[in-house]
């Protein structure tokens, strides 16, 4: 997987969308989904999965799940290696557990950690 290309795609998506892809599941408990069924929202990993390879059975599955991995590999037309999971999980974590107002700062830290570049030098912001 081309990590920098994937990072840029996800970072641009999250900063432009500026909203979680959440659905109230039960009694006010929210859950992150790869795609929101009514809104045009996608999560950090969901934006990498093309319509051709997306299916509802992916929902509520972790990025390490075999079906999610297959959808990512097919969508990106690249293998997903064990070293790629750290970046993918980190991107998913930012979307799922950080407040939207923190995303830019968190993505910037991730960019420096993985690529030694901030979001500005990567031409994301």
N, C-alpha and C. Protein backbone atom coordinates (compact mmCIF):
# COMPACT_ATOMS: atom_id res chain seq x y z
N UNK A 1 0.85 -1.18 0.00
CA UNK A 1 0.00 0.00 0.00
C UNK A 1 0.89 1.23 0.00
N UNK A 2 0.55 2.20 -0.79
CA UNK A 2 1.30 3.45 -0.82
C UNK A 2 0.80 4.34 0.31
N UNK A 3 1.51 4.29 1.43
CA UNK A 3 1.05 4.92 2.66
C UNK A 3 0.80 6.42 2.51
N UNK A 4 1.72 7.13 1.89
CA UNK A 4 1.55 8.58 1.78
C UNK A 4 0.33 8.94 0.95
N UNK A 5 0.10 8.24 -0.13
CA UNK A 5 -1.08 8.50 -0.97
C UNK A 5 -2.35 8.21 -0.19
N UNK A 6 -2.39 7.10 0.52
CA UNK A 6 -3.56 6.75 1.33
C UNK A 6 -3.77 7.79 2.44
N UNK A 7 -2.69 8.17 3.11
CA UNK A 7 -2.81 9.17 4.17
C UNK A 7 -3.40 10.47 3.63
N UNK A 8 -2.87 10.94 2.50
CA UNK A 8 -3.37 12.20 1.93
C UNK A 8 -4.84 12.10 1.57
N UNK A 9 -5.25 10.99 0.98
CA UNK A 9 -6.66 10.81 0.60
C UNK A 9 -7.55 10.86 1.84
N UNK A 10 -7.17 10.14 2.88
CA UNK A 10 -7.99 10.10 4.09
C UNK A 10 -7.99 11.46 4.80
N UNK A 11 -6.83 12.08 4.93
CA UNK A 11 -6.73 13.37 5.61
C UNK A 11 -7.58 14.43 4.90
N UNK A 12 -7.48 14.49 3.59
CA UNK A 12 -8.29 15.45 2.83
C UNK A 12 -9.77 15.17 3.01
N UNK A 13 -10.13 13.90 2.98
CA UNK A 13 -11.53 13.52 3.15
C UNK A 13 -12.05 13.94 4.52
N UNK A 14 -11.32 13.57 5.57
CA UNK A 14 -11.79 13.88 6.92
C UNK A 14 -11.89 15.38 7.16
N UNK A 15 -10.90 16.12 6.72
CA UNK A 15 -10.91 17.58 6.96
C UNK A 15 -12.01 18.26 6.14
N UNK A 16 -12.30 17.75 4.96
CA UNK A 16 -13.38 18.33 4.15
C UNK A 16 -14.75 17.95 4.72
N UNK A 17 -14.92 16.71 5.11
CA UNK A 17 -16.20 16.24 5.63
C UNK A 17 -16.47 16.84 7.01
N UNK A 18 -15.45 16.89 7.85
CA UNK A 18 -15.51 17.50 9.19
C UNK A 18 -16.71 17.01 10.01
N UNK A 19 -17.02 15.74 9.87
CA UNK A 19 -18.15 15.15 10.59
C UNK A 19 -17.95 13.64 10.64
N UNK A 20 -18.22 13.07 11.78
CA UNK A 20 -18.12 11.61 11.92
C UNK A 20 -19.22 10.92 11.11
N UNK A 21 -18.91 9.74 10.70
CA UNK A 21 -19.89 8.89 10.03
C UNK A 21 -20.49 7.99 11.11
N UNK A 22 -21.38 8.56 11.90
CA UNK A 22 -21.97 7.87 13.04
C UNK A 22 -23.45 7.63 12.82
N UNK A 23 -23.90 6.57 13.45
CA UNK A 23 -25.31 6.24 13.41
C UNK A 23 -25.71 5.85 14.83
N UNK A 24 -26.87 6.34 15.28
CA UNK A 24 -27.37 5.92 16.58
C UNK A 24 -27.84 4.48 16.44
N UNK A 25 -27.25 3.62 17.21
CA UNK A 25 -27.53 2.19 17.10
C UNK A 25 -28.64 1.77 18.05
N UNK A 26 -28.46 2.05 19.32
CA UNK A 26 -29.41 1.57 20.30
C UNK A 26 -29.36 2.46 21.53
N UNK A 27 -30.50 3.00 21.92
CA UNK A 27 -30.63 3.80 23.14
C UNK A 27 -29.59 4.92 23.21
N UNK A 28 -29.39 5.60 22.11
CA UNK A 28 -28.48 6.74 22.09
C UNK A 28 -27.01 6.38 21.96
N UNK A 29 -26.71 5.11 21.83
CA UNK A 29 -25.32 4.69 21.65
C UNK A 29 -24.97 4.83 20.18
N UNK A 30 -23.90 5.57 19.92
CA UNK A 30 -23.48 5.80 18.54
C UNK A 30 -22.46 4.76 18.11
N UNK A 31 -22.44 4.51 16.85
CA UNK A 31 -21.44 3.62 16.28
C UNK A 31 -20.92 4.19 14.99
N UNK A 32 -19.64 4.00 14.75
CA UNK A 32 -19.04 4.47 13.50
C UNK A 32 -19.33 3.46 12.41
N UNK A 33 -19.64 3.98 11.25
CA UNK A 33 -19.91 3.14 10.10
C UNK A 33 -18.97 3.55 8.97
N UNK A 34 -18.67 2.62 8.08
CA UNK A 34 -17.85 2.95 6.92
C UNK A 34 -18.59 3.90 5.99
N UNK A 35 -19.89 3.68 5.89
CA UNK A 35 -20.76 4.55 5.08
C UNK A 35 -22.06 4.78 5.84
N UNK A 36 -22.53 5.99 5.80
CA UNK A 36 -23.83 6.31 6.42
C UNK A 36 -24.90 6.01 5.39
N UNK A 37 -25.93 5.25 5.75
CA UNK A 37 -26.93 4.85 4.76
C UNK A 37 -27.76 6.00 4.17
N UNK A 38 -27.98 7.07 4.94
CA UNK A 38 -28.79 8.18 4.40
C UNK A 38 -27.95 9.40 4.02
N UNK A 39 -26.92 9.67 4.79
CA UNK A 39 -26.09 10.85 4.52
C UNK A 39 -24.92 10.44 3.62
N UNK A 40 -24.31 11.40 3.01
CA UNK A 40 -23.17 11.12 2.14
C UNK A 40 -21.88 11.17 2.97
N UNK A 41 -21.86 10.42 4.07
CA UNK A 41 -20.71 10.41 4.97
C UNK A 41 -19.96 9.09 4.85
N UNK A 42 -18.64 9.19 5.01
CA UNK A 42 -17.79 8.00 5.03
C UNK A 42 -16.77 8.19 6.14
N UNK A 43 -16.35 7.08 6.73
CA UNK A 43 -15.33 7.18 7.77
C UNK A 43 -13.94 7.17 7.11
N UNK A 44 -12.92 7.18 7.94
CA UNK A 44 -11.54 7.24 7.44
C UNK A 44 -11.21 6.07 6.53
N UNK A 45 -11.66 4.90 6.88
CA UNK A 45 -11.39 3.72 6.05
C UNK A 45 -12.43 3.60 4.94
N UNK A 46 -13.65 3.98 5.24
CA UNK A 46 -14.73 3.92 4.25
C UNK A 46 -14.45 4.75 3.01
N UNK A 47 -13.72 5.85 3.17
CA UNK A 47 -13.43 6.69 1.99
C UNK A 47 -12.42 6.02 1.06
N UNK A 48 -11.77 4.98 1.52
CA UNK A 48 -10.81 4.25 0.68
C UNK A 48 -11.46 3.11 -0.09
N UNK A 49 -12.65 2.71 0.35
CA UNK A 49 -13.34 1.58 -0.27
C UNK A 49 -14.28 2.10 -1.35
N UNK A 50 -14.06 1.65 -2.56
CA UNK A 50 -14.88 2.11 -3.68
C UNK A 50 -16.27 1.48 -3.62
N UNK A 51 -17.21 2.10 -4.32
CA UNK A 51 -18.59 1.58 -4.36
C UNK A 51 -18.62 0.14 -4.85
N UNK A 52 -17.77 -0.18 -5.79
CA UNK A 52 -17.74 -1.53 -6.36
C UNK A 52 -17.46 -2.60 -5.30
N UNK A 53 -16.64 -2.26 -4.31
CA UNK A 53 -16.22 -3.26 -3.32
C UNK A 53 -16.83 -3.05 -1.94
N UNK A 54 -17.66 -2.03 -1.82
CA UNK A 54 -18.34 -1.79 -0.54
C UNK A 54 -19.59 -2.68 -0.46
N UNK A 55 -19.85 -3.23 0.72
CA UNK A 55 -21.11 -3.93 0.98
C UNK A 55 -21.43 -3.77 2.46
N UNK A 56 -22.71 -3.83 2.77
CA UNK A 56 -23.17 -3.55 4.14
C UNK A 56 -22.60 -4.50 5.17
N UNK A 57 -22.17 -5.66 4.77
CA UNK A 57 -21.60 -6.62 5.72
C UNK A 57 -20.27 -6.13 6.31
N UNK A 58 -19.69 -5.10 5.73
CA UNK A 58 -18.45 -4.54 6.28
C UNK A 58 -18.70 -3.75 7.56
N UNK A 59 -19.90 -3.24 7.69
CA UNK A 59 -20.22 -2.37 8.82
C UNK A 59 -20.00 -3.09 10.15
N UNK A 60 -19.54 -2.30 11.10
CA UNK A 60 -19.27 -2.74 12.47
C UNK A 60 -18.12 -3.74 12.56
N UNK A 61 -17.30 -3.78 11.50
CA UNK A 61 -16.12 -4.64 11.52
C UNK A 61 -14.88 -3.76 11.57
N UNK A 62 -13.90 -4.24 12.24
CA UNK A 62 -12.63 -3.53 12.41
C UNK A 62 -11.81 -3.58 11.13
N UNK A 63 -10.87 -2.68 11.01
CA UNK A 63 -10.01 -2.64 9.82
C UNK A 63 -9.18 -3.92 9.68
N UNK A 64 -9.03 -4.70 10.74
CA UNK A 64 -8.29 -5.95 10.67
C UNK A 64 -9.13 -7.13 10.18
N UNK A 65 -10.43 -6.93 10.04
CA UNK A 65 -11.31 -7.99 9.60
C UNK A 65 -10.99 -8.37 8.15
N UNK A 66 -11.02 -9.65 7.87
CA UNK A 66 -10.67 -10.16 6.54
C UNK A 66 -11.50 -9.53 5.42
N UNK A 67 -12.80 -9.34 5.65
CA UNK A 67 -13.64 -8.77 4.59
C UNK A 67 -13.30 -7.30 4.34
N UNK A 68 -12.92 -6.57 5.38
CA UNK A 68 -12.51 -5.16 5.22
C UNK A 68 -11.17 -5.10 4.48
N UNK A 69 -10.26 -5.98 4.85
CA UNK A 69 -8.96 -6.03 4.18
C UNK A 69 -9.13 -6.33 2.69
N UNK A 70 -9.99 -7.28 2.38
CA UNK A 70 -10.23 -7.63 0.97
C UNK A 70 -10.83 -6.44 0.21
N UNK A 71 -11.77 -5.74 0.82
CA UNK A 71 -12.37 -4.57 0.17
C UNK A 71 -11.33 -3.48 -0.05
N UNK A 72 -10.45 -3.28 0.91
CA UNK A 72 -9.38 -2.29 0.77
C UNK A 72 -8.40 -2.70 -0.33
N UNK A 73 -7.95 -3.95 -0.30
CA UNK A 73 -7.01 -4.42 -1.32
C UNK A 73 -7.59 -4.26 -2.71
N UNK A 74 -8.84 -4.64 -2.87
CA UNK A 74 -9.48 -4.55 -4.18
C UNK A 74 -9.67 -3.10 -4.60
N UNK A 75 -10.08 -2.26 -3.67
CA UNK A 75 -10.33 -0.84 -3.98
C UNK A 75 -9.04 -0.11 -4.32
N UNK A 76 -7.98 -0.38 -3.55
CA UNK A 76 -6.70 0.30 -3.77
C UNK A 76 -5.87 -0.37 -4.86
N UNK A 77 -6.29 -1.59 -5.23
CA UNK A 77 -5.56 -2.39 -6.20
C UNK A 77 -4.09 -2.56 -5.77
N UNK A 78 -3.93 -2.78 -4.48
CA UNK A 78 -2.61 -2.96 -3.88
C UNK A 78 -2.72 -3.92 -2.71
N UNK A 79 -1.65 -4.65 -2.43
CA UNK A 79 -1.68 -5.48 -1.22
C UNK A 79 -1.65 -4.62 0.04
N UNK A 80 -2.21 -5.13 1.10
CA UNK A 80 -2.16 -4.49 2.40
C UNK A 80 -1.24 -5.34 3.26
N UNK A 81 -0.13 -4.76 3.67
CA UNK A 81 0.85 -5.51 4.46
C UNK A 81 0.61 -5.29 5.95
N UNK A 82 1.24 -6.11 6.76
CA UNK A 82 1.08 -5.95 8.20
C UNK A 82 1.58 -4.60 8.66
N UNK A 83 2.58 -4.03 8.00
CA UNK A 83 3.07 -2.70 8.39
C UNK A 83 2.09 -1.59 8.02
N UNK A 84 1.16 -1.86 7.11
CA UNK A 84 0.15 -0.86 6.73
C UNK A 84 -0.93 -0.70 7.80
N UNK A 85 -1.14 -1.75 8.59
CA UNK A 85 -2.23 -1.71 9.56
C UNK A 85 -2.07 -0.64 10.63
N UNK A 86 -0.87 -0.33 10.99
CA UNK A 86 -0.66 0.70 12.01
C UNK A 86 -1.20 2.04 11.53
N UNK A 87 -0.90 2.41 10.29
CA UNK A 87 -1.40 3.66 9.74
C UNK A 87 -2.92 3.62 9.60
N UNK A 88 -3.44 2.55 9.03
CA UNK A 88 -4.89 2.43 8.84
C UNK A 88 -5.63 2.50 10.17
N UNK A 89 -5.13 1.79 11.16
CA UNK A 89 -5.78 1.81 12.47
C UNK A 89 -5.71 3.21 13.09
N UNK A 90 -4.57 3.88 12.95
CA UNK A 90 -4.42 5.23 13.49
C UNK A 90 -5.40 6.20 12.84
N UNK A 91 -5.58 6.09 11.54
CA UNK A 91 -6.55 6.94 10.84
C UNK A 91 -7.97 6.65 11.32
N UNK A 92 -8.29 5.36 11.46
CA UNK A 92 -9.60 4.98 11.95
C UNK A 92 -9.81 5.48 13.38
N UNK A 93 -8.78 5.40 14.20
CA UNK A 93 -8.86 5.84 15.59
C UNK A 93 -9.16 7.35 15.66
N UNK A 94 -8.48 8.14 14.85
CA UNK A 94 -8.72 9.59 14.85
C UNK A 94 -10.18 9.87 14.53
N UNK A 95 -10.70 9.23 13.49
CA UNK A 95 -12.10 9.45 13.10
C UNK A 95 -13.06 9.01 14.20
N UNK A 96 -12.81 7.87 14.79
CA UNK A 96 -13.76 7.27 15.72
C UNK A 96 -13.71 7.88 17.13
N UNK A 97 -12.53 8.29 17.58
CA UNK A 97 -12.38 8.63 18.99
C UNK A 97 -11.91 10.05 19.29
N UNK A 98 -11.52 10.79 18.30
CA UNK A 98 -11.12 12.19 18.52
C UNK A 98 -12.26 13.10 18.06
N UNK A 99 -12.39 14.22 18.73
CA UNK A 99 -13.40 15.21 18.33
C UNK A 99 -13.00 15.83 17.00
N UNK A 100 -13.99 16.18 16.20
CA UNK A 100 -13.72 16.74 14.87
C UNK A 100 -12.77 17.93 14.94
N UNK A 101 -12.89 18.76 15.96
CA UNK A 101 -12.01 19.92 16.11
C UNK A 101 -10.56 19.55 16.38
N UNK A 102 -10.30 18.30 16.71
CA UNK A 102 -8.94 17.83 16.98
C UNK A 102 -8.32 17.12 15.77
N UNK A 103 -9.12 16.84 14.76
CA UNK A 103 -8.63 16.03 13.65
C UNK A 103 -7.41 16.61 12.97
N UNK A 104 -7.42 17.90 12.68
CA UNK A 104 -6.28 18.50 11.98
C UNK A 104 -5.00 18.32 12.78
N UNK A 105 -5.06 18.61 14.07
CA UNK A 105 -3.88 18.47 14.94
C UNK A 105 -3.42 17.02 14.99
N UNK A 106 -4.36 16.09 15.13
CA UNK A 106 -4.01 14.67 15.21
C UNK A 106 -3.44 14.15 13.88
N UNK A 107 -4.03 14.57 12.78
CA UNK A 107 -3.52 14.17 11.47
C UNK A 107 -2.13 14.76 11.23
N UNK A 108 -1.90 15.98 11.70
CA UNK A 108 -0.59 16.61 11.56
C UNK A 108 0.46 15.80 12.33
N UNK A 109 0.13 15.38 13.54
CA UNK A 109 1.06 14.57 14.33
C UNK A 109 1.35 13.24 13.63
N UNK A 110 0.32 12.65 13.08
CA UNK A 110 0.48 11.38 12.37
C UNK A 110 1.34 11.55 11.12
N UNK A 111 1.13 12.64 10.41
CA UNK A 111 1.91 12.95 9.22
C UNK A 111 3.40 13.11 9.54
N UNK A 112 3.67 13.79 10.61
CA UNK A 112 5.08 13.97 11.03
C UNK A 112 5.68 12.64 11.45
N UNK A 113 4.91 11.84 12.19
CA UNK A 113 5.39 10.54 12.65
C UNK A 113 5.73 9.62 11.48
N UNK A 114 4.83 9.53 10.50
CA UNK A 114 5.02 8.58 9.39
C UNK A 114 5.87 9.12 8.24
N UNK A 115 5.77 10.42 7.97
CA UNK A 115 6.38 10.94 6.75
C UNK A 115 7.36 12.07 6.98
N UNK A 116 7.54 12.47 8.24
CA UNK A 116 8.43 13.58 8.57
C UNK A 116 8.03 14.89 7.89
N UNK A 117 6.74 15.04 7.63
CA UNK A 117 6.21 16.24 6.99
C UNK A 117 4.93 16.63 7.70
N UNK A 118 4.68 17.93 7.79
CA UNK A 118 3.40 18.37 8.36
C UNK A 118 2.36 18.44 7.25
N UNK A 119 1.13 18.71 7.64
CA UNK A 119 0.04 18.75 6.66
C UNK A 119 0.23 19.82 5.60
N UNK A 120 0.82 20.92 5.99
CA UNK A 120 1.06 22.01 5.02
C UNK A 120 2.05 21.57 3.95
N UNK A 121 3.17 20.98 4.38
CA UNK A 121 4.17 20.57 3.38
C UNK A 121 3.69 19.39 2.53
N UNK A 122 2.70 18.66 3.05
CA UNK A 122 2.10 17.58 2.24
C UNK A 122 0.98 18.10 1.35
N UNK A 123 0.72 19.40 1.41
CA UNK A 123 -0.31 20.08 0.61
C UNK A 123 -1.70 19.55 0.89
N UNK A 124 -1.96 19.32 2.18
CA UNK A 124 -3.28 18.87 2.60
C UNK A 124 -4.11 20.05 3.10
N UNK A 125 -3.46 20.97 3.77
CA UNK A 125 -4.15 22.18 4.21
C UNK A 125 -3.44 23.39 3.66
